[in-house]
């Protein structure tokens, strides 16, 4: 009976150590991402160009993360929570309404054709308001269609 108690205790201690180690590794990875985007040697232009990449990176990590079979569900939860926190923090989300806007805008961005994304390359990552985003996409589409009609007449 004592042997079982001792082995259960050791297993719990090993799991706690593994969880702490996983948390340290993850925090180091998150810190590395943050450091890469904030400590670029150069001007504010370089820094402002890399901030959207960081937002995008957090969103991608959140969307694509899968559970490692050898890790616990708590580890999986911790990673997902950290990714989504980083995404929201970098996107400056503070209210539920801003969160809704961010998620809807993100879905619209995913569905937009690549040439639209290329056209708005400089502003694309900064548009978190879905109404602003669709207004710009509709305007671009309207101008593009008019240009195509004029080219066909010639």
C-alpha atoms as a PDB file:
ATOM      1  CA  UNK A   1       0.000   0.000   0.000  1.00  0.00           C
ATOM      2  CA  UNK A   2       2.825   2.392   0.882  1.00  0.00           C
ATOM      3  CA  UNK A   3       4.578   1.545  -2.360  1.00  0.00           C
ATOM      4  CA  UNK A   4       1.487   2.558  -4.328  1.00  0.00           C
ATOM      5  CA  UNK A   5       1.233   5.848  -2.441  1.00  0.00           C
ATOM      6  CA  UNK A   6       4.923   6.522  -3.053  1.00  0.00           C
ATOM      7  CA  UNK A   7       4.646   5.682  -6.763  1.00  0.00           C
ATOM      8  CA  UNK A   8       1.527   7.869  -7.129  1.00  0.00           C
ATOM      9  CA  UNK A   9       3.346  10.705  -5.389  1.00  0.00           C
ATOM     10  CA  UNK A  10       6.374  10.333  -7.683  1.00  0.00           C
ATOM     11  CA  UNK A  11       4.117  10.300 -10.731  1.00  0.00           C
ATOM     12  CA  UNK A  12       2.425  13.515  -9.595  1.00  0.00           C
ATOM     13  CA  UNK A  13       5.791  15.157  -8.942  1.00  0.00           C
ATOM     14  CA  UNK A  14       7.079  14.121 -12.363  1.00  0.00           C
ATOM     15  CA  UNK A  15       3.934  15.439 -14.029  1.00  0.00           C
ATOM     16  CA  UNK A  16       4.263  18.740 -12.157  1.00  0.00           C
ATOM     17  CA  UNK A  17       7.918  19.039 -13.203  1.00  0.00           C
ATOM     18  CA  UNK A  18       7.014  18.238 -16.821  1.00  0.00           C
ATOM     19  CA  UNK A  19       4.214  20.834 -16.756  1.00  0.00           C
ATOM     20  CA  UNK A  20       6.581  23.460 -15.336  1.00  0.00           C
ATOM     21  CA  UNK A  21       9.191  22.648 -17.970  1.00  0.00           C
ATOM     22  CA  UNK A  22       6.608  22.856 -20.757  1.00  0.00           C
ATOM     23  CA  UNK A  23       5.406  26.169 -19.386  1.00  0.00           C
ATOM     24  CA  UNK A  24       8.992  27.520 -19.283  1.00  0.00           C
ATOM     25  CA  UNK A  25       9.651  26.408 -22.849  1.00  0.00           C
ATOM     26  CA  UNK A  26       6.415  27.954 -24.036  1.00  0.00           C
ATOM     27  CA  UNK A  27       7.080  31.228 -22.213  1.00  0.00           C
ATOM     28  CA  UNK A  28      10.536  31.359 -23.790  1.00  0.00           C
ATOM     29  CA  UNK A  29       9.009  30.845 -27.243  1.00  0.00           C
ATOM     30  CA  UNK A  30       6.451  33.576 -26.594  1.00  0.00           C
ATOM     31  CA  UNK A  31       9.160  35.880 -25.280  1.00  0.00           C
ATOM     32  CA  UNK A  32      11.255  35.147 -28.379  1.00  0.00           C
ATOM     33  CA  UNK A  33       8.350  36.137 -30.653  1.00  0.00           C
ATOM     34  CA  UNK A  34       7.779  39.327 -28.684  1.00  0.00           C
ATOM     35  CA  UNK A  35      11.489  40.139 -28.630  1.00  0.00           C
ATOM     36  CA  UNK A  36      11.842  39.542 -32.359  1.00  0.00           C
ATOM     37  CA  UNK A  37       9.102  42.059 -33.097  1.00  0.00           C
ATOM     38  CA  UNK A  38      10.016  44.730 -30.549  1.00  0.00           C
ATOM     39  CA  UNK A  39      13.811  44.833 -30.606  1.00  0.00           C
ATOM     40  CA  UNK A  40      14.515  45.150 -34.264  1.00  0.00           C
ATOM     41  CA  UNK A  41      17.460  47.416 -34.781  1.00  0.00           C
ATOM     42  CA  UNK A  42      16.104  50.260 -36.831  1.00  0.00           C
ATOM     43  CA  UNK A  43      13.420  52.817 -37.142  1.00  0.00           C
ATOM     44  CA  UNK A  44       9.799  52.891 -36.049  1.00  0.00           C
ATOM     45  CA  UNK A  45       8.887  51.905 -39.596  1.00  0.00           C
ATOM     46  CA  UNK A  46      10.523  48.513 -39.193  1.00  0.00           C
ATOM     47  CA  UNK A  47       8.860  48.059 -35.811  1.00  0.00           C
ATOM     48  CA  UNK A  48       5.434  49.052 -37.133  1.00  0.00           C
ATOM     49  CA  UNK A  49       5.852  46.675 -40.067  1.00  0.00           C
ATOM     50  CA  UNK A  50       6.625  43.788 -37.727  1.00  0.00           C
ATOM     51  CA  UNK A  51       3.784  44.344 -35.254  1.00  0.00           C
ATOM     52  CA  UNK A  52       1.149  43.003 -37.685  1.00  0.00           C
ATOM     53  CA  UNK A  53       3.361  39.976 -38.322  1.00  0.00           C
ATOM     54  CA  UNK A  54       3.319  39.296 -34.593  1.00  0.00           C
ATOM     55  CA  UNK A  55      -0.482  39.555 -34.486  1.00  0.00           C
ATOM     56  CA  UNK A  56      -0.695  37.267 -37.470  1.00  0.00           C
ATOM     57  CA  UNK A  57       1.778  34.826 -35.943  1.00  0.00           C
ATOM     58  CA  UNK A  58      -0.211  34.564 -32.685  1.00  0.00           C
ATOM     59  CA  UNK A  59      -3.445  34.023 -34.650  1.00  0.00           C
ATOM     60  CA  UNK A  60      -1.821  31.348 -36.797  1.00  0.00           C
ATOM     61  CA  UNK A  61      -0.346  29.589 -33.785  1.00  0.00           C
ATOM     62  CA  UNK A  62      -3.775  29.670 -32.116  1.00  0.00           C
ATOM     63  CA  UNK A  63      -5.569  28.381 -35.219  1.00  0.00           C
ATOM     64  CA  UNK A  64      -3.094  25.647 -36.098  1.00  0.00           C
ATOM     65  CA  UNK A  65      -2.075  24.375 -32.679  1.00  0.00           C
ATOM     66  CA  UNK A  66      -2.770  20.700 -32.079  1.00  0.00           C
ATOM     67  CA  UNK A  67      -2.546  18.620 -28.939  1.00  0.00           C
ATOM     68  CA  UNK A  68       0.680  16.693 -28.556  1.00  0.00           C
ATOM     69  CA  UNK A  69      -0.242  13.090 -27.656  1.00  0.00           C
ATOM     70  CA  UNK A  70       2.393  12.921 -24.904  1.00  0.00           C
ATOM     71  CA  UNK A  71       1.303  16.172 -23.257  1.00  0.00           C
ATOM     72  CA  UNK A  72      -1.714  16.807 -21.074  1.00  0.00           C
ATOM     73  CA  UNK A  73      -4.893  18.624 -21.978  1.00  0.00           C
ATOM     74  CA  UNK A  74      -3.845  21.264 -19.467  1.00  0.00           C
ATOM     75  CA  UNK A  75      -0.719  21.907 -21.562  1.00  0.00           C
ATOM     76  CA  UNK A  76      -2.869  22.199 -24.665  1.00  0.00           C
ATOM     77  CA  UNK A  77      -5.201  24.641 -22.908  1.00  0.00           C
ATOM     78  CA  UNK A  78      -2.264  26.682 -21.608  1.00  0.00           C
ATOM     79  CA  UNK A  79      -0.755  27.005 -25.089  1.00  0.00           C
ATOM     80  CA  UNK A  80      -4.057  27.981 -26.694  1.00  0.00           C
ATOM     81  CA  UNK A  81      -4.769  30.518 -23.965  1.00  0.00           C
ATOM     82  CA  UNK A  82      -1.333  32.080 -24.337  1.00  0.00           C
ATOM     83  CA  UNK A  83      -1.671  32.328 -28.123  1.00  0.00           C
ATOM     84  CA  UNK A  84      -5.107  33.927 -27.970  1.00  0.00           C
ATOM     85  CA  UNK A  85      -3.991  36.318 -25.206  1.00  0.00           C
ATOM     86  CA  UNK A  86      -1.019  37.375 -27.325  1.00  0.00           C
ATOM     87  CA  UNK A  87      -3.235  37.834 -30.379  1.00  0.00           C
ATOM     88  CA  UNK A  88      -5.735  39.973 -28.464  1.00  0.00           C
ATOM     89  CA  UNK A  89      -3.027  41.975 -26.706  1.00  0.00           C
ATOM     90  CA  UNK A  90      -1.215  42.758 -29.957  1.00  0.00           C
ATOM     91  CA  UNK A  91      -4.557  43.649 -31.564  1.00  0.00           C
ATOM     92  CA  UNK A  92      -5.401  45.926 -28.609  1.00  0.00           C
ATOM     93  CA  UNK A  93      -8.705  44.143 -27.885  1.00  0.00           C
ATOM     94  CA  UNK A  94     -10.228  45.269 -24.591  1.00  0.00           C
ATOM     95  CA  UNK A  95     -13.992  44.826 -25.006  1.00  0.00           C
ATOM     96  CA  UNK A  96     -16.316  42.103 -26.217  1.00  0.00           C
ATOM     97  CA  UNK A  97     -17.351  44.301 -29.143  1.00  0.00           C
ATOM     98  CA  UNK A  98     -13.729  44.715 -30.243  1.00  0.00           C
ATOM     99  CA  UNK A  99     -13.270  40.953 -29.941  1.00  0.00           C
ATOM    100  CA  UNK A 100     -16.305  40.309 -32.144  1.00  0.00           C
ATOM    101  CA  UNK A 101     -15.018  42.821 -34.703  1.00  0.00           C
ATOM    102  CA  UNK A 102     -11.587  41.174 -34.692  1.00  0.00           C
ATOM    103  CA  UNK A 103     -13.007  37.692 -35.271  1.00  0.00           C
ATOM    104  CA  UNK A 104     -15.408  38.815 -38.031  1.00  0.00           C
ATOM    105  CA  UNK A 105     -12.694  40.883 -39.749  1.00  0.00           C
ATOM    106  CA  UNK A 106     -10.342  37.916 -39.539  1.00  0.00           C
ATOM    107  CA  UNK A 107     -12.887  35.671 -41.284  1.00  0.00           C
ATOM    108  CA  UNK A 108     -13.440  38.262 -44.019  1.00  0.00           C
ATOM    109  CA  UNK A 109      -9.675  38.554 -44.521  1.00  0.00           C
ATOM    110  CA  UNK A 110      -9.384  34.774 -44.854  1.00  0.00           C
ATOM    111  CA  UNK A 111     -12.025  34.731 -47.600  1.00  0.00           C
ATOM    112  CA  UNK A 112     -10.704  37.727 -49.569  1.00  0.00           C
ATOM    113  CA  UNK A 113      -8.934  36.961 -52.858  1.00  0.00           C
ATOM    114  CA  UNK A 114      -5.150  37.224 -52.832  1.00  0.00           C
ATOM    115  CA  UNK A 115      -5.058  40.129 -55.295  1.00  0.00           C
ATOM    116  CA  UNK A 116      -7.236  42.182 -52.920  1.00  0.00           C
ATOM    117  CA  UNK A 117      -4.796  41.438 -50.102  1.00  0.00           C
ATOM    118  CA  UNK A 118      -1.894  42.438 -52.340  1.00  0.00           C
ATOM    119  CA  UNK A 119      -3.585  45.715 -53.290  1.00  0.00           C
ATOM    120  CA  UNK A 120      -4.097  46.707 -49.637  1.00  0.00           C
ATOM    121  CA  UNK A 121      -0.782  45.269 -48.463  1.00  0.00           C
ATOM    122  CA  UNK A 122       0.232  48.285 -46.321  1.00  0.00           C
ATOM    123  CA  UNK A 123      -3.083  48.594 -44.463  1.00  0.00           C
ATOM    124  CA  UNK A 124      -4.317  44.985 -44.469  1.00  0.00           C
ATOM    125  CA  UNK A 125      -3.038  43.964 -41.028  1.00  0.00           C
ATOM    126  CA  UNK A 126      -4.324  47.123 -39.359  1.00  0.00           C
ATOM    127  CA  UNK A 127      -7.972  46.704 -40.363  1.00  0.00           C
ATOM    128  CA  UNK A 128      -9.719  45.060 -37.422  1.00  0.00           C
ATOM    129  CA  UNK A 129     -13.049  46.801 -38.002  1.00  0.00           C
ATOM    130  CA  UNK A 130     -15.109  44.627 -40.358  1.00  0.00           C
ATOM    131  CA  UNK A 131     -17.202  47.545 -41.666  1.00  0.00           C
ATOM    132  CA  UNK A 132     -14.093  49.520 -42.603  1.00  0.00           C
ATOM    133  CA  UNK A 133     -12.677  46.399 -44.207  1.00  0.00           C
ATOM    134  CA  UNK A 134     -15.763  45.615 -46.328  1.00  0.00           C
ATOM    135  CA  UNK A 135     -16.127  49.272 -47.353  1.00  0.00           C
ATOM    136  CA  UNK A 136     -12.581  49.229 -48.693  1.00  0.00           C
ATOM    137  CA  UNK A 137     -13.049  45.846 -50.374  1.00  0.00           C
ATOM    138  CA  UNK A 138     -16.317  46.950 -52.014  1.00  0.00           C
ATOM    139  CA  UNK A 139     -14.738  50.196 -53.226  1.00  0.00           C
ATOM    140  CA  UNK A 140     -11.783  48.347 -54.702  1.00  0.00           C
ATOM    141  CA  UNK A 141     -14.056  45.804 -56.358  1.00  0.00           C
ATOM    142  CA  UNK A 142     -16.233  48.561 -57.818  1.00  0.00           C
ATOM    143  CA  UNK A 143     -13.241  50.412 -59.283  1.00  0.00           C
ATOM    144  CA  UNK A 144     -11.796  47.165 -60.567  1.00  0.00           C
ATOM    145  CA  UNK A 145     -15.056  46.201 -62.292  1.00  0.00           C
ATOM    146  CA  UNK A 146     -15.353  49.659 -63.865  1.00  0.00           C
ATOM    147  CA  UNK A 147     -11.763  49.402 -65.115  1.00  0.00           C
ATOM    148  CA  UNK A 148     -12.468  45.969 -66.605  1.00  0.00           C
ATOM    149  CA  UNK A 149     -15.590  47.260 -68.388  1.00  0.00           C
ATOM    150  CA  UNK A 150     -13.644  50.196 -69.820  1.00  0.00           C
ATOM    151  CA  UNK A 151     -10.866  47.890 -71.024  1.00  0.00           C
ATOM    152  CA  UNK A 152     -13.408  45.639 -72.777  1.00  0.00           C
ATOM    153  CA  UNK A 153     -14.966  48.624 -74.621  1.00  0.00           C
ATOM    154  CA  UNK A 154     -11.600  49.639 -76.017  1.00  0.00           C
END
